[in-house]
Amino acid sequence: MEDMRAIAMYQHAMLVRLIKGVAGSILWALTSDFCASGRTAFTNRELRLDRRIGLPDVSDNLEARLILLARRLNERQAPLRIDKTGRGSFVLRAERPLELVDIPKNG
């Protein structure tokens, strides 16, 4: 069993685990950078090279993964958005303060 990660978005002190798998790794990397430095602008190229995400070396379909992640966040009415800003670039928008929480596995 892998460790769980959660993104806490503060409205009624609610802790939400939104996305898991590769999409979750992408979201975790983006929100980690956002929390650490306030950074919101990213490029597909830098994500592709980011070892935290663990994309496969061949045919990673990053653009499709980002589109699906953005769609999932929108469908779940999450207070996080991923908006395309140009060719190979996008921004992360957080509508509320957020905190990242690592939840260790039991036993």
N, C-alpha and C. Protein backbone atom coordinates (compact mmCIF):
# COMPACT_ATOMS: atom_id res chain seq x y z
N MET A 1 0.84 -1.19 0.00
CA MET A 1 0.00 0.00 0.00
C MET A 1 0.88 1.25 0.00
N GLU A 2 0.66 2.15 -0.95
CA GLU A 2 1.47 3.35 -1.04
C GLU A 2 0.97 4.42 -0.08
N ASP A 3 1.87 5.36 0.25
CA ASP A 3 1.47 6.47 1.09
C ASP A 3 0.41 7.29 0.35
N MET A 4 -0.49 7.87 1.10
CA MET A 4 -1.51 8.72 0.50
C MET A 4 -1.03 10.16 0.58
N ARG A 5 -1.46 10.94 -0.36
CA ARG A 5 -1.19 12.37 -0.35
C ARG A 5 -2.52 13.08 -0.47
N ALA A 6 -2.63 14.17 0.22
CA ALA A 6 -3.87 14.93 0.17
C ALA A 6 -3.54 16.40 -0.03
N ILE A 7 -4.46 17.08 -0.65
CA ILE A 7 -4.35 18.52 -0.81
C ILE A 7 -5.49 19.12 0.00
N ALA A 8 -5.12 19.88 1.00
CA ALA A 8 -6.13 20.51 1.85
C ALA A 8 -6.45 21.88 1.30
N MET A 9 -7.69 22.08 0.92
CA MET A 9 -8.15 23.38 0.45
C MET A 9 -9.05 23.92 1.54
N TYR A 10 -8.74 25.07 2.03
CA TYR A 10 -9.43 25.55 3.22
C TYR A 10 -10.73 26.26 2.92
N GLN A 11 -11.77 25.56 3.18
CA GLN A 11 -13.12 26.09 3.28
C GLN A 11 -13.80 25.09 4.19
N HIS A 12 -14.13 25.46 5.35
CA HIS A 12 -14.67 24.57 6.37
C HIS A 12 -13.63 23.53 6.79
N ALA A 13 -12.35 23.88 6.72
CA ALA A 13 -11.24 23.00 7.13
C ALA A 13 -11.39 21.59 6.56
N MET A 14 -11.67 21.48 5.30
CA MET A 14 -11.92 20.20 4.66
C MET A 14 -10.64 19.67 4.01
N LEU A 15 -10.35 18.39 4.23
CA LEU A 15 -9.20 17.74 3.62
C LEU A 15 -9.70 16.89 2.47
N VAL A 16 -9.14 17.09 1.30
CA VAL A 16 -9.65 16.41 0.12
C VAL A 16 -8.51 15.68 -0.59
N ARG A 17 -8.74 14.40 -0.89
CA ARG A 17 -7.81 13.67 -1.75
C ARG A 17 -8.45 13.62 -3.12
N LEU A 18 -7.91 14.38 -4.05
CA LEU A 18 -8.56 14.58 -5.33
C LEU A 18 -8.24 13.51 -6.37
N ILE A 19 -6.99 13.31 -6.66
CA ILE A 19 -6.58 12.54 -7.83
C ILE A 19 -5.43 11.62 -7.42
N LYS A 20 -5.39 10.40 -7.99
CA LYS A 20 -4.25 9.51 -7.72
C LYS A 20 -3.62 9.06 -9.03
N GLY A 21 -2.56 8.27 -8.98
CA GLY A 21 -1.87 7.80 -10.17
C GLY A 21 -0.96 8.87 -10.74
N VAL A 22 -0.68 8.77 -12.05
CA VAL A 22 0.20 9.73 -12.70
C VAL A 22 -0.40 11.13 -12.65
N ALA A 23 -1.70 11.23 -12.84
CA ALA A 23 -2.37 12.54 -12.77
C ALA A 23 -2.17 13.15 -11.37
N GLY A 24 -2.26 12.31 -10.35
CA GLY A 24 -2.03 12.77 -8.99
C GLY A 24 -0.60 13.23 -8.77
N SER A 25 0.34 12.52 -9.39
CA SER A 25 1.76 12.92 -9.30
C SER A 25 2.00 14.26 -9.97
N ILE A 26 1.35 14.47 -11.10
CA ILE A 26 1.45 15.76 -11.79
C ILE A 26 0.89 16.87 -10.90
N LEU A 27 -0.31 16.64 -10.37
CA LEU A 27 -0.95 17.64 -9.52
C LEU A 27 -0.11 17.90 -8.27
N TRP A 28 0.45 16.85 -7.68
CA TRP A 28 1.28 17.00 -6.48
C TRP A 28 2.52 17.84 -6.79
N ALA A 29 3.17 17.58 -7.92
CA ALA A 29 4.36 18.35 -8.30
C ALA A 29 4.01 19.83 -8.50
N LEU A 30 2.91 20.10 -9.20
CA LEU A 30 2.50 21.48 -9.44
C LEU A 30 2.17 22.20 -8.14
N THR A 31 1.38 21.55 -7.29
CA THR A 31 0.98 22.19 -6.04
C THR A 31 2.15 22.30 -5.07
N SER A 32 3.10 21.36 -5.14
CA SER A 32 4.31 21.45 -4.30
C SER A 32 5.10 22.71 -4.66
N ASP A 33 5.29 22.93 -5.95
CA ASP A 33 6.00 24.13 -6.39
C ASP A 33 5.23 25.39 -6.02
N PHE A 34 3.92 25.34 -6.16
CA PHE A 34 3.08 26.48 -5.80
C PHE A 34 3.21 26.80 -4.31
N CYS A 35 3.13 25.78 -3.45
CA CYS A 35 3.22 26.01 -2.01
C CYS A 35 4.61 26.47 -1.59
N ALA A 36 5.64 25.93 -2.22
CA ALA A 36 7.01 26.26 -1.84
C ALA A 36 7.42 27.67 -2.27
N SER A 37 6.97 28.09 -3.46
CA SER A 37 7.48 29.36 -3.99
C SER A 37 6.41 30.30 -4.53
N GLY A 38 5.16 29.87 -4.54
CA GLY A 38 4.10 30.70 -5.10
C GLY A 38 4.04 30.64 -6.62
N ARG A 39 4.81 29.75 -7.18
CA ARG A 39 4.90 29.63 -8.64
C ARG A 39 3.59 29.13 -9.23
N THR A 40 3.17 29.72 -10.34
CA THR A 40 1.93 29.30 -11.00
C THR A 40 2.12 28.94 -12.47
N ALA A 41 3.19 29.41 -13.11
CA ALA A 41 3.42 29.18 -14.54
C ALA A 41 4.34 27.99 -14.74
N PHE A 42 3.95 27.10 -15.67
CA PHE A 42 4.71 25.87 -15.92
C PHE A 42 4.73 25.60 -17.42
N THR A 43 5.65 24.72 -17.83
CA THR A 43 5.70 24.29 -19.22
C THR A 43 5.62 22.76 -19.28
N ASN A 44 5.13 22.28 -20.40
CA ASN A 44 5.05 20.83 -20.60
C ASN A 44 6.45 20.21 -20.57
N ARG A 45 7.41 20.91 -21.15
CA ARG A 45 8.77 20.38 -21.23
C ARG A 45 9.35 20.13 -19.83
N GLU A 46 9.21 21.10 -18.94
CA GLU A 46 9.77 20.91 -17.60
C GLU A 46 9.04 19.80 -16.85
N LEU A 47 7.74 19.67 -17.06
CA LEU A 47 7.00 18.56 -16.43
C LEU A 47 7.49 17.22 -16.95
N ARG A 48 7.73 17.15 -18.23
CA ARG A 48 8.19 15.90 -18.84
C ARG A 48 9.52 15.47 -18.24
N LEU A 49 10.35 16.42 -17.84
CA LEU A 49 11.68 16.13 -17.29
C LEU A 49 11.67 15.97 -15.76
N ASP A 50 10.56 16.27 -15.13
CA ASP A 50 10.46 16.25 -13.66
C ASP A 50 10.40 14.80 -13.16
N ARG A 51 11.41 14.38 -12.44
CA ARG A 51 11.50 13.00 -11.95
C ARG A 51 10.45 12.67 -10.87
N ARG A 52 9.88 13.69 -10.23
CA ARG A 52 8.85 13.44 -9.21
C ARG A 52 7.60 12.80 -9.81
N ILE A 53 7.38 13.04 -11.08
CA ILE A 53 6.15 12.58 -11.72
C ILE A 53 6.24 11.12 -12.16
N GLY A 54 7.39 10.70 -12.62
CA GLY A 54 7.57 9.32 -13.03
C GLY A 54 6.89 8.96 -14.33
N LEU A 55 6.95 9.86 -15.30
CA LEU A 55 6.39 9.56 -16.62
C LEU A 55 7.23 8.50 -17.32
N PRO A 56 6.60 7.65 -18.12
CA PRO A 56 7.38 6.67 -18.89
C PRO A 56 8.27 7.39 -19.90
N ASP A 57 9.39 6.76 -20.25
CA ASP A 57 10.35 7.38 -21.18
C ASP A 57 9.80 7.51 -22.59
N VAL A 58 8.96 6.57 -23.00
CA VAL A 58 8.46 6.55 -24.37
C VAL A 58 6.97 6.89 -24.38
N SER A 59 6.57 7.78 -25.25
CA SER A 59 5.16 8.09 -25.48
C SER A 59 4.40 8.35 -24.18
N ASP A 60 4.77 9.42 -23.50
CA ASP A 60 4.16 9.70 -22.20
C ASP A 60 2.77 10.34 -22.29
N ASN A 61 2.38 10.84 -23.45
CA ASN A 61 1.07 11.47 -23.63
C ASN A 61 0.79 12.57 -22.59
N LEU A 62 1.81 13.35 -22.28
CA LEU A 62 1.68 14.38 -21.24
C LEU A 62 0.57 15.37 -21.55
N GLU A 63 0.48 15.82 -22.79
CA GLU A 63 -0.55 16.79 -23.14
C GLU A 63 -1.95 16.24 -22.87
N ALA A 64 -2.17 14.99 -23.26
CA ALA A 64 -3.47 14.36 -23.01
C ALA A 64 -3.73 14.22 -21.52
N ARG A 65 -2.70 13.86 -20.76
CA ARG A 65 -2.84 13.72 -19.30
C ARG A 65 -3.21 15.06 -18.66
N LEU A 66 -2.59 16.15 -19.14
CA LEU A 66 -2.90 17.47 -18.60
C LEU A 66 -4.33 17.89 -18.92
N ILE A 67 -4.77 17.60 -20.14
CA ILE A 67 -6.15 17.92 -20.52
C ILE A 67 -7.14 17.16 -19.65
N LEU A 68 -6.89 15.87 -19.45
CA LEU A 68 -7.78 15.06 -18.61
C LEU A 68 -7.74 15.50 -17.16
N LEU A 69 -6.56 15.85 -16.65
CA LEU A 69 -6.46 16.34 -15.27
C LEU A 69 -7.24 17.64 -15.11
N ALA A 70 -7.08 18.56 -16.04
CA ALA A 70 -7.82 19.83 -16.00
C ALA A 70 -9.32 19.57 -16.04
N ARG A 71 -9.74 18.63 -16.88
CA ARG A 71 -11.16 18.29 -17.00
C ARG A 71 -11.68 17.69 -15.68
N ARG A 72 -10.89 16.80 -15.09
CA ARG A 72 -11.28 16.17 -13.82
C ARG A 72 -11.44 17.19 -12.70
N LEU A 73 -10.49 18.12 -12.62
CA LEU A 73 -10.58 19.17 -11.60
C LEU A 73 -11.84 20.00 -11.80
N ASN A 74 -12.16 20.30 -13.06
CA ASN A 74 -13.34 21.08 -13.38
C ASN A 74 -14.62 20.30 -13.03
N GLU A 75 -14.67 19.02 -13.41
CA GLU A 75 -15.86 18.20 -13.14
C GLU A 75 -16.12 18.06 -11.65
N ARG A 76 -15.06 17.98 -10.86
CA ARG A 76 -15.21 17.82 -9.41
C ARG A 76 -15.36 19.16 -8.70
N GLN A 77 -15.42 20.22 -9.49
CA GLN A 77 -15.56 21.58 -8.97
C GLN A 77 -14.50 21.87 -7.92
N ALA A 78 -13.30 21.39 -8.19
CA ALA A 78 -12.17 21.62 -7.28
C ALA A 78 -11.76 23.09 -7.33
N PRO A 79 -11.30 23.61 -6.23
CA PRO A 79 -10.84 25.01 -6.22
C PRO A 79 -9.44 25.17 -6.81
N LEU A 80 -9.06 24.24 -7.66
CA LEU A 80 -7.81 24.29 -8.41
C LEU A 80 -8.16 24.21 -9.89
N ARG A 81 -7.43 24.95 -10.70
CA ARG A 81 -7.64 24.92 -12.15
C ARG A 81 -6.30 24.86 -12.85
N ILE A 82 -6.28 24.21 -14.00
CA ILE A 82 -5.14 24.23 -14.88
C ILE A 82 -5.62 24.86 -16.18
N ASP A 83 -5.06 26.01 -16.52
CA ASP A 83 -5.47 26.75 -17.71
C ASP A 83 -4.29 26.86 -18.68
N LYS A 84 -4.54 26.49 -19.92
CA LYS A 84 -3.52 26.60 -20.97
C LYS A 84 -3.30 28.08 -21.27
N THR A 85 -2.03 28.48 -21.38
CA THR A 85 -1.72 29.88 -21.65
C THR A 85 -1.02 30.08 -23.00
N GLY A 86 -0.66 29.00 -23.64
CA GLY A 86 0.03 29.07 -24.92
C GLY A 86 0.51 27.68 -25.29
N ARG A 87 1.24 27.63 -26.37
CA ARG A 87 1.75 26.34 -26.82
C ARG A 87 2.76 25.80 -25.81
N GLY A 88 2.42 24.68 -25.18
CA GLY A 88 3.32 24.04 -24.23
C GLY A 88 3.44 24.73 -22.89
N SER A 89 2.52 25.62 -22.57
CA SER A 89 2.58 26.30 -21.28
C SER A 89 1.18 26.42 -20.67
N PHE A 90 1.17 26.48 -19.35
CA PHE A 90 -0.10 26.56 -18.63
C PHE A 90 0.13 27.16 -17.25
N VAL A 91 -0.96 27.53 -16.58
CA VAL A 91 -0.88 28.05 -15.22
C VAL A 91 -1.75 27.21 -14.30
N LEU A 92 -1.34 27.17 -13.05
CA LEU A 92 -2.13 26.55 -11.99
C LEU A 92 -2.81 27.68 -11.24
N ARG A 93 -4.10 27.59 -11.07
CA ARG A 93 -4.85 28.61 -10.33
C ARG A 93 -5.49 27.96 -9.11
N ALA A 94 -5.21 28.55 -7.96
CA ALA A 94 -5.80 28.08 -6.70
C ALA A 94 -6.75 29.15 -6.21
N GLU A 95 -8.01 28.77 -6.02
CA GLU A 95 -9.02 29.72 -5.59
C GLU A 95 -9.02 29.94 -4.09
N ARG A 96 -8.34 29.07 -3.36
CA ARG A 96 -8.25 29.16 -1.90
C ARG A 96 -6.84 28.80 -1.47
N PRO A 97 -6.46 29.17 -0.25
CA PRO A 97 -5.17 28.71 0.27
C PRO A 97 -5.16 27.18 0.31
N LEU A 98 -3.99 26.60 0.10
CA LEU A 98 -3.92 25.15 0.15
C LEU A 98 -2.70 24.71 0.93
N GLU A 99 -2.77 23.48 1.40
CA GLU A 99 -1.68 22.86 2.14
C GLU A 99 -1.56 21.43 1.67
N LEU A 100 -0.33 20.96 1.48
CA LEU A 100 -0.09 19.58 1.08
C LEU A 100 0.17 18.74 2.32
N VAL A 101 -0.42 17.55 2.34
CA VAL A 101 -0.30 16.68 3.49
C VAL A 101 0.08 15.28 3.03
N ASP A 102 1.20 14.75 3.53
CA ASP A 102 1.58 13.35 3.31
C ASP A 102 0.96 12.54 4.43
N ILE A 103 0.20 11.52 4.07
CA ILE A 103 -0.44 10.66 5.06
C ILE A 103 0.25 9.30 4.99
N PRO A 104 1.11 8.98 5.98
CA PRO A 104 1.86 7.72 5.90
C PRO A 104 0.94 6.52 5.97
N LYS A 105 1.37 5.45 5.29
CA LYS A 105 0.57 4.23 5.33
C LYS A 105 0.63 3.62 6.73
N ASN A 106 -0.39 2.88 7.08
CA ASN A 106 -0.45 2.23 8.39
C ASN A 106 0.38 0.96 8.38
N GLY A 107 1.07 0.74 9.52
CA GLY A 107 1.79 -0.50 9.74
C GLY A 107 2.79 -0.76 8.72
